[in-house]
Protein backbone atom coordinates (compact mmCIF):
# COMPACT_ATOMS: atom_id res chain seq x y z
CA MET A 1 4.85 -24.02 83.81
CA TYR A 2 7.10 -25.36 81.11
CA LYS A 3 5.78 -27.71 78.59
CA TYR A 4 7.92 -30.21 76.58
CA ASN A 5 8.58 -29.56 72.98
CA GLU A 6 9.14 -32.01 70.33
CA PHE A 7 13.01 -32.29 71.26
CA ASP A 8 12.12 -32.83 74.88
CA GLU A 9 9.66 -35.54 74.21
CA GLY A 10 11.95 -37.40 71.80
CA PHE A 11 14.89 -37.23 73.97
CA VAL A 12 13.21 -38.57 77.07
CA ARG A 13 11.51 -41.38 75.09
CA GLU A 14 14.71 -42.42 73.68
CA ARG A 15 16.35 -42.64 76.95
CA VAL A 16 13.35 -44.64 78.44
CA SER A 17 13.81 -47.15 75.26
CA GLN A 18 17.61 -47.38 76.09
CA PHE A 19 16.98 -48.21 79.68
CA ARG A 20 14.55 -50.73 78.84
CA ALA A 21 16.91 -52.60 76.80
CA GLN A 22 19.54 -52.34 79.59
CA VAL A 23 17.12 -53.63 82.17
CA GLU A 24 16.36 -56.68 79.89
CA ARG A 25 19.96 -57.38 79.57
CA ARG A 26 20.40 -57.15 83.44
CA LEU A 27 17.42 -59.49 83.97
CA ASP A 28 18.77 -62.12 81.35
CA GLY A 29 22.14 -62.15 83.01
CA SER A 30 23.86 -60.47 80.07
CA LEU A 31 24.97 -57.62 82.49
CA THR A 32 26.36 -58.13 85.99
CA GLU A 33 25.24 -55.87 88.78
CA ASP A 34 28.43 -54.07 88.64
CA GLU A 35 28.01 -53.41 84.99
CA PHE A 36 24.43 -52.39 85.35
CA LYS A 37 25.23 -49.73 88.22
CA PRO A 38 26.37 -47.10 86.22
CA LEU A 39 23.54 -47.48 83.61
CA ARG A 40 20.88 -47.55 86.44
CA LEU A 41 22.30 -44.59 88.16
CA MET A 42 21.98 -42.57 85.00
CA ASN A 43 18.32 -43.08 85.38
CA GLY A 44 17.89 -42.41 88.97
CA LEU A 45 17.74 -45.97 90.09
CA TYR A 46 19.45 -46.96 93.41
CA LEU A 47 19.84 -50.37 95.12
CA GLN A 48 18.87 -49.71 98.73
CA LEU A 49 18.80 -52.05 101.90
CA HIS A 50 15.75 -54.02 100.91
CA ALA A 51 14.99 -53.10 97.27
CA TYR A 52 15.49 -50.80 94.46
CA MET A 53 14.72 -47.10 94.83
CA LEU A 54 13.69 -44.98 92.01
CA ARG A 55 14.34 -41.26 92.45
CA VAL A 56 12.06 -39.11 90.11
CA ALA A 57 12.87 -35.43 89.34
CA ILE A 58 10.44 -32.70 90.12
CA PRO A 59 12.46 -29.77 88.35
CA TYR A 60 12.43 -26.74 90.58
CA GLY A 61 9.55 -28.41 92.71
CA THR A 62 6.79 -27.67 90.23
CA LEU A 63 4.07 -29.93 89.33
CA ASN A 64 0.52 -29.74 87.98
CA SER A 65 -2.43 -31.79 88.86
CA ARG A 66 -2.06 -34.30 85.86
CA GLN A 67 1.54 -34.96 87.08
CA MET A 68 0.65 -35.40 90.65
CA ARG A 69 -2.11 -38.08 89.85
CA GLN A 70 0.33 -39.94 87.73
CA LEU A 71 2.66 -40.14 90.54
CA ALA A 72 -0.23 -41.40 92.65
CA MET A 73 -1.08 -44.01 89.98
CA ILE A 74 2.55 -45.13 89.86
CA ALA A 75 2.61 -45.53 93.59
CA ASP A 76 -0.48 -47.79 93.45
CA LYS A 77 0.54 -49.84 90.36
CA TRP A 78 4.31 -50.38 91.04
CA ASP A 79 5.03 -49.58 94.48
CA GLN A 80 3.29 -49.78 97.82
CA GLY A 81 0.76 -46.94 97.57
CA TYR A 82 2.96 -44.01 98.72
CA GLY A 83 5.81 -41.83 97.66
CA HIS A 84 8.53 -40.02 99.65
CA PHE A 85 9.34 -36.34 98.91
CA THR A 86 12.85 -35.28 99.64
CA THR A 87 15.00 -32.43 100.49
CA ARG A 88 15.93 -32.10 96.76
CA GLN A 89 12.29 -31.63 95.72
CA ASN A 90 12.23 -35.14 94.10
CA ILE A 91 9.92 -37.91 94.92
CA GLN A 92 11.32 -41.40 95.70
CA TYR A 93 9.73 -44.89 95.35
CA ASN A 94 11.19 -47.26 97.82
CA TRP A 95 9.80 -50.58 96.39
CA PRO A 96 9.67 -50.86 92.57
CA LYS A 97 10.64 -54.13 91.03
CA LEU A 98 13.41 -53.89 88.41
CA LYS A 99 11.26 -55.38 85.58
CA ASP A 100 8.69 -52.69 86.12
CA VAL A 101 11.10 -49.62 86.15
CA PRO A 102 10.99 -49.03 82.32
CA ASP A 103 7.23 -48.98 82.52
CA ILE A 104 7.34 -46.51 85.32
CA LEU A 105 9.66 -44.25 83.23
CA GLU A 106 7.39 -44.60 80.34
CA ALA A 107 4.41 -43.44 82.46
CA LEU A 108 6.45 -40.59 83.84
CA ALA A 109 7.19 -39.55 80.12
CA ASP A 110 3.53 -39.59 79.40
CA VAL A 111 3.33 -36.46 81.80
CA GLU A 112 6.45 -34.70 80.79
CA MET A 113 8.66 -36.06 83.77
CA HIS A 114 11.63 -38.32 84.02
CA ALA A 115 14.49 -39.56 86.46
CA LEU A 116 17.51 -38.34 84.48
CA GLN A 117 20.26 -36.86 86.42
CA THR A 118 18.67 -37.62 90.01
CA SER A 119 21.88 -39.60 90.81
CA GLY A 120 25.51 -39.96 89.54
CA ASN A 121 28.34 -37.39 89.39
CA THR A 122 26.56 -34.95 87.35
CA ILE A 123 24.56 -31.77 87.71
CA ARG A 124 21.40 -33.03 89.84
CA ASN A 125 17.74 -31.67 89.63
CA VAL A 126 17.93 -27.93 89.89
CA THR A 127 15.99 -26.63 93.05
CA ALA A 128 14.34 -23.47 93.62
CA ASP A 129 12.36 -21.38 96.19
CA HIS A 130 9.02 -23.31 96.80
CA PHE A 131 7.18 -20.04 96.92
CA ALA A 132 8.49 -19.20 93.35
CA GLY A 133 6.11 -17.29 91.39
CA ALA A 134 3.88 -16.38 94.28
CA ALA A 135 6.07 -14.94 97.04
CA ALA A 136 5.28 -11.08 98.13
CA ASP A 137 9.09 -10.56 98.62
CA GLU A 138 10.05 -11.88 95.17
CA ILE A 139 12.15 -9.77 92.62
CA ALA A 140 11.16 -12.19 89.95
CA ASP A 141 10.23 -15.66 89.32
CA PRO A 142 13.37 -17.81 89.53
CA ARG A 143 12.00 -20.87 87.86
CA PRO A 144 12.59 -19.78 84.17
CA VAL A 145 16.22 -19.51 85.02
CA ALA A 146 16.01 -22.88 86.90
CA GLU A 147 14.47 -24.43 83.60
CA LEU A 148 17.26 -22.95 81.37
CA ILE A 149 19.87 -24.36 83.70
CA ARG A 150 18.09 -27.81 83.64
CA GLN A 151 18.06 -27.74 79.86
CA TRP A 152 21.59 -26.83 79.71
CA SER A 153 22.94 -29.45 82.12
CA THR A 154 20.78 -32.25 80.87
CA ASP A 155 23.24 -34.66 79.20
CA HIS A 156 25.79 -31.91 78.83
CA PRO A 157 28.60 -33.80 77.06
CA GLU A 158 31.40 -32.19 79.35
CA PHE A 159 29.61 -32.56 82.72
CA GLN A 160 28.28 -36.18 82.75
CA PHE A 161 31.28 -37.58 84.88
CA LEU A 162 32.23 -34.88 87.29
CA PRO A 163 34.52 -35.39 90.17
CA ARG A 164 31.28 -35.83 92.24
CA LYS A 165 27.72 -34.89 92.19
CA PHE A 166 26.85 -31.19 91.65
CA LYS A 167 23.92 -29.35 93.04
CA VAL A 168 22.41 -25.92 92.14
CA ALA A 169 19.79 -23.97 93.75
CA VAL A 170 18.09 -20.73 92.66
CA THR A 171 16.01 -18.13 94.45
CA GLY A 172 14.39 -14.88 93.19
CA SER A 173 13.77 -13.41 96.71
CA PRO A 174 16.02 -11.69 99.34
CA ASN A 175 14.68 -14.07 102.08
CA ASP A 176 16.48 -17.40 101.16
CA ARG A 177 14.08 -20.25 101.15
CA ALA A 178 16.15 -22.38 98.76
CA VAL A 179 19.18 -22.96 101.04
CA THR A 180 21.40 -21.44 98.26
CA LYS A 181 24.33 -21.23 100.72
CA ALA A 182 24.55 -25.00 101.21
CA HIS A 183 24.85 -25.76 97.54
CA ASP A 184 27.68 -26.29 95.16
CA ILE A 185 26.36 -23.27 93.34
CA GLY A 186 23.73 -20.90 94.83
CA LEU A 187 22.07 -18.12 92.82
CA ARG A 188 20.40 -15.40 94.63
CA MET A 189 18.48 -12.55 92.55
CA VAL A 190 19.49 -9.09 93.56
CA ARG A 191 19.39 -5.66 92.15
CA ASN A 192 22.38 -3.42 91.58
CA ASP A 193 22.54 0.32 92.27
CA ALA A 194 21.02 1.17 88.86
CA GLY A 195 18.06 -1.16 89.91
CA GLU A 196 18.89 -3.82 87.41
CA ALA A 197 18.09 -7.45 88.33
CA GLY A 198 21.14 -9.86 88.28
CA TYR A 199 22.53 -12.69 90.48
CA GLU A 200 24.63 -12.91 93.38
CA VAL A 201 26.68 -16.15 92.56
CA ILE A 202 27.62 -18.34 95.64
CA VAL A 203 29.92 -21.24 95.23
CA GLY A 204 31.27 -23.97 97.40
CA GLY A 205 28.55 -24.66 99.83
CA GLY A 206 27.65 -28.09 101.00
CA LEU A 207 26.89 -30.14 103.94
CA GLY A 208 27.83 -33.95 104.62
CA ARG A 209 31.18 -34.98 105.94
CA THR A 210 32.71 -31.58 105.70
CA PRO A 211 30.02 -28.81 106.02
CA MET A 212 30.79 -25.46 104.38
CA ILE A 213 28.71 -22.30 104.05
CA GLY A 214 29.20 -21.20 100.37
CA LYS A 215 31.10 -18.11 99.35
CA VAL A 216 30.13 -15.23 97.12
CA ILE A 217 32.28 -15.38 94.00
CA ARG A 218 30.41 -12.70 92.20
CA GLU A 219 28.27 -10.14 93.91
CA PHE A 220 26.46 -9.12 90.93
CA LEU A 221 26.16 -11.09 87.47
CA PRO A 222 23.89 -9.89 84.85
CA GLN A 223 21.39 -12.43 83.84
CA ALA A 224 22.54 -12.34 80.18
CA HIS A 225 26.05 -13.78 81.53
CA LEU A 226 24.61 -16.45 83.87
CA LEU A 227 24.69 -19.38 81.74
CA PRO A 228 28.30 -18.86 80.42
CA TYR A 229 29.41 -18.11 83.87
CA LEU A 230 27.94 -21.13 85.29
CA GLU A 231 29.61 -23.18 82.38
CA SER A 232 32.92 -21.57 83.49
CA ILE A 233 32.51 -22.48 87.20
CA VAL A 234 31.72 -26.10 86.30
CA SER A 235 34.45 -26.43 83.78
CA VAL A 236 37.10 -25.19 86.24
CA TYR A 237 35.80 -27.64 88.82
CA ASN A 238 35.86 -30.50 86.33
CA VAL A 239 39.49 -29.93 85.82
CA LEU A 240 40.65 -29.00 89.41
CA GLY A 241 38.33 -31.17 91.40
CA ARG A 242 39.97 -34.08 93.07
CA ARG A 243 39.26 -37.68 91.82
CA ASP A 244 41.64 -39.36 94.31
CA ASN A 245 39.47 -39.43 97.19
CA LYS A 246 35.57 -39.18 96.64
CA TYR A 247 35.21 -37.51 100.27
CA LYS A 248 37.29 -34.59 99.02
CA ALA A 249 35.81 -34.37 95.46
CA ARG A 250 33.06 -31.79 95.95
CA ILE A 251 33.54 -28.32 94.74
CA LYS A 252 33.68 -26.96 98.38
CA ILE A 253 36.88 -28.77 98.93
CA THR A 254 38.46 -27.50 95.46
CA VAL A 255 37.59 -24.05 96.31
CA ALA A 256 39.12 -24.40 100.03
CA GLU A 257 42.21 -25.94 98.73
CA ASN A 258 42.84 -23.54 96.08
CA GLY A 259 41.43 -20.39 97.68
CA LEU A 260 38.52 -18.28 96.50
CA ASP A 261 40.67 -15.79 94.81
CA GLU A 262 42.47 -18.36 92.81
CA PHE A 263 39.38 -20.20 91.84
CA ARG A 264 37.74 -16.94 90.83
CA THR A 265 40.73 -15.91 88.80
CA ARG A 266 40.45 -19.24 86.93
CA VAL A 267 36.79 -18.90 86.40
CA ASP A 268 37.02 -15.28 85.09
CA ALA A 269 39.64 -16.50 82.66
CA ARG A 270 37.50 -19.37 81.30
CA PHE A 271 34.32 -17.09 81.29
CA GLU A 272 36.18 -14.92 78.72
CA GLN A 273 36.65 -17.87 76.61
CA VAL A 274 33.17 -19.38 77.11
CA ARG A 275 31.14 -16.12 76.76
CA ALA A 276 31.90 -15.64 73.24
CA GLN A 277 30.55 -19.15 72.33
CA PHE A 278 27.07 -18.36 73.63
CA LYS A 279 26.30 -15.44 71.29
CA GLY A 280 23.01 -14.62 73.12
CA PHE A 281 21.44 -17.80 72.01
CA ASP A 282 20.74 -18.78 75.65
CA GLN A 283 18.86 -15.60 76.11
CA GLU A 284 16.61 -16.37 73.18
CA ILE A 285 15.74 -19.65 74.76
CA LEU A 286 15.20 -18.10 78.16
CA ALA A 287 12.60 -15.72 76.63
CA LYS A 288 10.69 -18.57 75.21
CA ILE A 289 10.88 -20.39 78.57
CA GLU A 290 9.70 -17.20 80.46
CA GLN A 291 6.40 -17.26 78.44
CA SER A 292 5.67 -20.48 80.08
CA PHE A 293 5.87 -19.08 83.42
CA ALA A 294 3.37 -16.30 83.02
CA PRO A 295 1.32 -15.75 86.14
CA PRO A 296 -2.15 -17.18 86.04
CA ALA A 297 -5.24 -14.92 85.79
CA PHE A 298 -5.70 -14.13 89.45
CA ARG A 299 -9.36 -13.09 90.38
CA SER A 300 -10.80 -10.46 92.61
CA ALA A 301 -13.22 -11.45 95.28
CA PRO A 302 -13.96 -10.49 98.77
CA GLU A 303 -12.36 -12.25 101.74
CA THR A 304 -15.51 -12.29 103.81
CA ASP A 305 -15.67 -16.02 104.09
CA TYR A 306 -12.17 -16.29 105.13
CA GLU A 307 -12.34 -13.72 107.88
CA ALA A 308 -15.64 -15.02 109.18
CA ALA A 309 -14.25 -18.64 109.31
CA ARG A 310 -11.25 -17.43 111.28
CA SER A 311 -13.48 -15.82 113.90
CA LYS A 312 -15.82 -18.82 114.18
CA ASN A 313 -13.25 -21.98 113.86
CA GLY A 314 -10.29 -21.99 116.31
CA ALA A 315 -8.80 -24.92 114.42
CA PHE A 316 -8.96 -23.00 111.06
CA ARG A 317 -7.61 -19.99 112.58
CA ALA A 318 -4.47 -22.00 114.25
CA TRP A 319 -4.00 -23.51 110.73
CA THR A 320 -4.08 -20.14 108.96
CA ASP A 321 -1.77 -18.73 111.53
CA THR A 322 1.06 -21.40 110.80
CA ASN A 323 0.38 -22.81 107.33
CA LEU A 324 -0.12 -19.56 105.16
CA ALA A 325 2.41 -17.08 103.52
CA GLU A 326 2.04 -13.70 102.00
CA HIS A 327 1.18 -13.93 98.39
CA LYS A 328 2.13 -10.97 95.80
CA ALA A 329 -1.49 -11.05 94.44
CA PRO A 330 -4.13 -9.14 96.58
CA GLY A 331 -6.64 -11.43 98.13
CA TYR A 332 -4.60 -14.70 97.68
CA ALA A 333 -2.37 -16.82 100.14
CA ILE A 334 0.46 -19.28 99.72
CA VAL A 335 -0.68 -22.57 101.50
CA THR A 336 1.99 -25.02 102.84
CA VAL A 337 0.23 -28.43 103.23
CA SER A 338 2.15 -30.12 106.09
CA ILE A 339 3.30 -33.68 105.35
CA LYS A 340 4.28 -34.03 109.00
CA ALA A 341 1.10 -35.25 110.88
CA HIS A 342 2.32 -36.04 114.37
CA GLY A 343 3.63 -39.33 114.36
CA ALA A 344 3.75 -39.72 110.67
CA THR A 345 6.87 -40.29 108.48
CA PRO A 346 8.24 -36.85 107.29
CA GLY A 347 7.70 -36.55 103.55
CA ASP A 348 5.54 -39.82 102.96
CA THR A 349 2.63 -39.16 101.25
CA THR A 350 -0.03 -41.69 100.15
CA SER A 351 -1.55 -42.03 96.70
CA GLU A 352 -4.89 -41.02 97.85
CA GLN A 353 -3.45 -37.85 99.54
CA MET A 354 -1.56 -37.04 96.26
CA ARG A 355 -4.94 -37.30 94.43
CA VAL A 356 -6.57 -35.00 97.07
CA LEU A 357 -3.84 -32.39 96.53
CA ALA A 358 -4.25 -32.61 92.57
CA ASP A 359 -7.95 -32.03 92.95
CA ILE A 360 -7.52 -29.02 95.34
CA ALA A 361 -4.85 -27.55 92.89
CA GLU A 362 -7.05 -28.09 89.97
CA ARG A 363 -10.25 -26.87 91.64
CA PHE A 364 -8.82 -23.78 93.69
CA GLY A 365 -5.19 -23.32 92.85
CA HIS A 366 -4.72 -22.49 89.12
CA ASP A 367 -3.53 -26.08 88.71
CA GLU A 368 -0.17 -25.58 90.37
CA LEU A 369 1.66 -27.44 93.18
CA ARG A 370 5.18 -27.24 94.63
CA ILE A 371 7.39 -29.59 96.56
CA SER A 372 9.49 -27.94 99.07
CA HIS A 373 12.91 -28.95 100.27
CA GLU A 374 11.34 -29.04 103.65
CA GLN A 375 9.29 -32.21 102.44
CA ASN A 376 5.91 -30.43 102.35
CA VAL A 377 3.57 -29.66 99.38
CA ILE A 378 2.76 -26.07 98.63
CA LEU A 379 -0.48 -24.61 96.83
CA PRO A 380 1.14 -21.42 95.81
CA HIS A 381 -2.05 -19.69 94.49
CA ILE A 382 -5.09 -20.07 96.73
CA HIS A 383 -7.63 -17.33 96.97
CA LYS A 384 -8.50 -16.42 100.67
CA SER A 385 -12.31 -16.93 99.96
CA ASP A 386 -11.62 -20.50 99.22
CA LEU A 387 -9.38 -21.24 102.20
CA PRO A 388 -12.23 -22.51 104.56
CA GLU A 389 -13.19 -25.18 101.84
CA VAL A 390 -9.69 -25.95 101.14
CA TYR A 391 -8.95 -26.40 104.81
CA ALA A 392 -11.89 -28.68 105.07
CA VAL A 393 -10.96 -30.88 102.39
CA LEU A 394 -7.28 -31.30 103.89
CA ARG A 395 -8.58 -31.93 107.24
CA ASP A 396 -10.87 -34.58 106.07
CA ASN A 397 -7.91 -36.35 104.31
CA GLY A 398 -5.33 -35.90 107.24
CA LEU A 399 -3.59 -33.04 105.69
CA ALA A 400 -4.56 -30.19 107.92
CA THR A 401 -1.71 -30.33 110.59
CA ALA A 402 -1.17 -26.79 111.63
CA ASN A 403 2.61 -27.14 112.57
CA VAL A 404 4.58 -25.55 109.62
CA GLY A 405 7.90 -24.05 111.03
CA LEU A 406 7.10 -25.52 114.28
CA ILE A 407 9.26 -28.27 116.11
CA SER A 408 7.25 -31.30 114.62
CA ASP A 409 7.63 -29.98 111.02
CA ILE A 410 10.77 -32.04 110.95
CA ILE A 411 13.03 -32.66 107.88
CA ALA A 412 14.26 -36.23 108.22
CA CYS A 413 16.28 -38.57 105.81
CA PRO A 414 14.90 -41.97 105.48
CA GLY A 415 17.65 -43.41 107.67
CA MET A 416 18.45 -46.97 108.19
CA ASP A 417 14.90 -48.00 107.57
CA TYR A 418 15.68 -47.75 103.91
CA CYS A 419 19.21 -46.23 103.02
CA ALA A 420 22.13 -48.48 102.52
CA LEU A 421 24.47 -45.68 103.68
CA ALA A 422 22.69 -44.91 106.97
CA THR A 423 24.24 -45.71 110.31
CA ALA A 424 21.10 -44.88 112.43
CA ARG A 425 17.40 -44.39 112.26
CA SER A 426 15.86 -41.08 111.56
CA ILE A 427 12.20 -41.88 110.90
CA PRO A 428 11.40 -43.31 114.52
CA ILE A 429 13.37 -40.42 116.24
CA ALA A 430 11.33 -37.81 114.20
CA GLN A 431 8.04 -39.56 115.01
CA GLU A 432 8.86 -39.65 118.84
CA ILE A 433 9.87 -36.06 118.98
CA ALA A 434 6.63 -34.96 116.99
CA THR A 435 4.45 -36.97 119.15
CA ARG A 436 6.12 -35.96 122.46
CA PHE A 437 5.70 -32.19 121.85
CA ASP A 438 2.24 -32.77 120.52
CA ASP A 439 1.31 -34.61 123.88
CA LEU A 440 2.96 -31.70 125.79
CA LYS A 441 0.94 -29.13 123.79
CA LEU A 442 4.03 -26.87 123.76
CA GLU A 443 4.97 -26.45 119.99
CA HIS A 444 2.86 -23.28 119.43
CA GLU A 445 4.23 -21.66 122.64
CA ILE A 446 7.66 -22.53 121.39
CA GLY A 447 7.08 -21.00 118.02
CA GLU A 448 9.42 -21.25 115.05
CA LEU A 449 12.11 -23.91 115.47
CA LYS A 450 13.66 -25.80 112.65
CA LEU A 451 14.60 -29.45 113.68
CA LYS A 452 16.43 -31.56 111.16
CA ILE A 453 17.57 -35.14 111.44
CA SER A 454 20.11 -37.12 109.30
CA GLY A 455 20.81 -40.86 109.79
CA CYS A 456 24.47 -40.62 108.63
CA ILE A 457 27.30 -38.18 107.87
CA ASN A 458 25.96 -37.48 104.38
CA ALA A 459 23.60 -35.04 105.97
CA CYS A 460 20.63 -35.72 103.52
CA GLY A 461 18.41 -34.39 106.52
CA HIS A 462 20.31 -31.09 106.42
CA HIS A 463 21.03 -31.37 110.20
CA HIS A 464 24.07 -29.00 109.94
CA VAL A 465 21.75 -26.07 109.17
CA GLY A 466 18.83 -26.98 111.72
CA HIS A 467 18.29 -24.75 114.72
CA ILE A 468 18.33 -28.07 116.27
CA GLY A 469 20.27 -30.70 114.42
CA ILE A 470 20.32 -34.45 115.06
CA LEU A 471 23.10 -36.68 113.57
CA GLY A 472 22.65 -40.43 113.91
CA LEU A 473 25.87 -42.51 114.16
CA ASP A 474 26.98 -46.08 114.79
CA ARG A 475 29.05 -46.43 117.94
CA ALA A 476 30.23 -49.73 118.26
CA GLY A 477 27.03 -51.19 117.10
CA VAL A 478 24.76 -48.85 118.95
CA GLU A 479 22.93 -46.01 117.59
CA SER A 480 24.28 -42.53 118.98
CA TYR A 481 22.68 -39.26 118.34
CA GLN A 482 24.85 -36.15 118.33
CA ILE A 483 23.01 -32.84 118.81
CA THR A 484 24.06 -29.31 117.02
CA LEU A 485 22.58 -26.15 117.81
CA GLY A 486 22.57 -22.79 115.95
CA GLY A 487 22.33 -23.88 112.36
CA ASP A 488 20.58 -21.67 109.86
CA ALA A 489 19.60 -22.50 106.25
CA THR A 490 18.40 -18.98 105.31
CA GLU A 491 20.30 -15.84 104.00
CA THR A 492 22.04 -15.65 107.25
CA ALA A 493 23.03 -19.17 106.83
CA ALA A 494 25.43 -20.92 109.64
CA VAL A 495 26.57 -24.44 110.33
CA GLY A 496 25.32 -25.56 113.80
CA GLU A 497 27.76 -26.05 116.70
CA ARG A 498 28.14 -29.47 118.28
CA ALA A 499 26.69 -29.47 121.70
CA GLY A 500 28.78 -32.50 123.08
CA PRO A 501 28.76 -36.19 123.35
CA GLY A 502 25.80 -38.23 121.69
CA PHE A 503 22.74 -39.72 123.26
CA SER A 504 21.23 -43.06 122.99
CA ALA A 505 18.00 -43.70 121.02
CA ASP A 506 16.20 -43.76 124.41
CA ASP A 507 17.61 -40.48 125.66
CA ILE A 508 17.62 -38.29 122.57
CA VAL A 509 13.89 -37.16 122.98
CA PRO A 510 14.26 -36.16 126.76
CA ALA A 511 17.57 -34.38 125.59
CA ILE A 512 15.65 -32.23 123.17
CA GLU A 513 13.02 -31.58 125.74
CA ARG A 514 15.65 -29.98 127.90
CA ILE A 515 17.03 -28.02 125.11
CA VAL A 516 13.42 -26.56 124.60
CA GLN A 517 12.96 -25.95 128.28
CA ALA A 518 16.33 -23.99 128.48
CA TYR A 519 15.09 -21.94 125.39
CA LEU A 520 11.81 -21.08 127.13
CA GLU A 521 13.70 -20.10 130.24
CA HIS A 522 16.20 -17.66 128.49
CA ARG A 523 14.28 -16.10 125.68
CA GLU A 524 13.27 -12.51 126.04
CA GLY A 525 9.56 -12.94 125.34
CA PRO A 526 7.63 -15.29 122.86
CA GLU A 527 8.71 -13.05 119.78
CA GLU A 528 12.36 -14.22 120.19
CA ILE A 529 12.62 -17.33 118.18
CA PHE A 530 15.02 -20.35 119.36
CA LEU A 531 17.69 -19.21 116.71
CA GLU A 532 17.64 -15.57 118.11
CA THR A 533 18.01 -16.84 121.76
CA TYR A 534 20.87 -19.22 120.85
CA ARG A 535 22.67 -16.30 118.99
CA ARG A 536 22.37 -13.95 122.05
CA VAL A 537 23.09 -16.34 124.86
CA GLY A 538 25.29 -18.94 123.12
CA MET A 539 25.86 -22.49 123.75
CA ALA A 540 26.60 -22.51 127.55
CA PRO A 541 23.00 -22.65 128.92
CA PHE A 542 22.13 -25.33 126.60
CA LYS A 543 25.11 -27.42 127.57
CA VAL A 544 23.98 -27.11 131.25
CA ALA A 545 20.65 -28.31 130.21
CA LEU A 546 21.96 -31.19 128.20
CA TYR A 547 24.76 -32.32 130.56
CA PRO A 548 23.93 -31.23 134.09
CA GLU A 549 26.09 -33.54 135.98
CA LYS A 550 29.05 -32.78 133.69
CA GLU A 551 28.69 -29.20 133.92
CA SER A 552 28.20 -29.32 137.57
CA ALA A 553 31.40 -31.24 138.02
CA HIS A 554 33.24 -28.87 135.72
CA ALA A 555 32.05 -25.79 137.60
CA ALA A 556 33.19 -27.55 140.88
């Protein structure tokens, strides 16, 4: 993985020093909260419902054991013993004291981490496929390009005050695990007819108040042109993007109002100007970065222990059935560690669990971890012969829940328990749904089902692209939960369709049960997952299940 050079180290330390002085001025009253706000946002510090919240960048979701242990130390020393992994592959601390934040940032710098550009109207933390560098279907590891974009965008003088926040996602696989079509810019590695690797460039995706699936602005872009082309897109958006209305300031609105063809024409014109300025220097930097992402020294060993353990231990077999993915190296597996034990808060991880994961990565996993946008932790390189021992350690520490991709593997934002923008609770609803389906012992029979919950219209829980999406809203002081069906976050991305009127907090879990029962009744065998059934039969049978009295009256 990428290691800081002398410039990186000096740059991050200088920013910490600057913010330390700004915090001191806020604490002694020299700065008002309004004056301090833009300064703290530049350093990832938010003011939430009950306390400050610090959002720490985990670029393209990659960590090593030393960094994970430092995150655990920070949680113990300056927070309340846990951190929250987010859908942006970041970690959030919900209870830091303002006076301690500079020390936290200093501790992050000690392990080559920071909180820069995790907030504000700038290019945010670049996200990537959480199986990057390990996936069997991968054309190439996308993380070197993600790191190049991170370096280019950090403190970019033209793009620190964009019309609105800006998010970029990269994948190196045809199977999209990075939700590229729901980002301001999505990059999907593809091959052209000559077999050369390049990028399909997607622009104008996004969720929130006006959900849109991104549009392909360039079907094939050679990798050598990637950075100047991205600069051209962001430059055009910086000029055209609206600043009169923050709800219409995202690039998705800019593309929609101007039309993709007109936007592409402007980008192409700008690209002709920008390309000459790069002179290939970005490719020299990329070549150096790529050296940092060389694959580990994979070992050869028999898989006997793994197969024997699967035969003898039903719980281990169930875990391997759900929590493993195919690795590109023979004898290896990608392990997804569920941070979604039934009844737990999705994404919350204790400091002790962080240390356990760091120990496993160091001992068994070539010292690599990933954070997924689905709020789980990935051990990308585990040899199958080590899986029985890895599983035992995870099990003993409450980390062996066999539910990855199932209904209890819920994405959920913090909701009204923490967030000042939220209009409803997300966490209790997620906990109730997970617990209910665990009690029913149905989730393995249901199979793959992506359920996502947001506590407000901003859609941090990605509810629009959930097979089942839940949006919490305030209706005259009462929480109401809308349901959408048919969303998809993959390469066949789609925004879910609203089912009808919302449900109260007491009624939402029974409503989800009725949806699931309708699916089980209508599917053509257990191999047909929920999304496939929905696309085949449509909304009608699910509306009947959700609103039986209304649908009966309508039929009469």
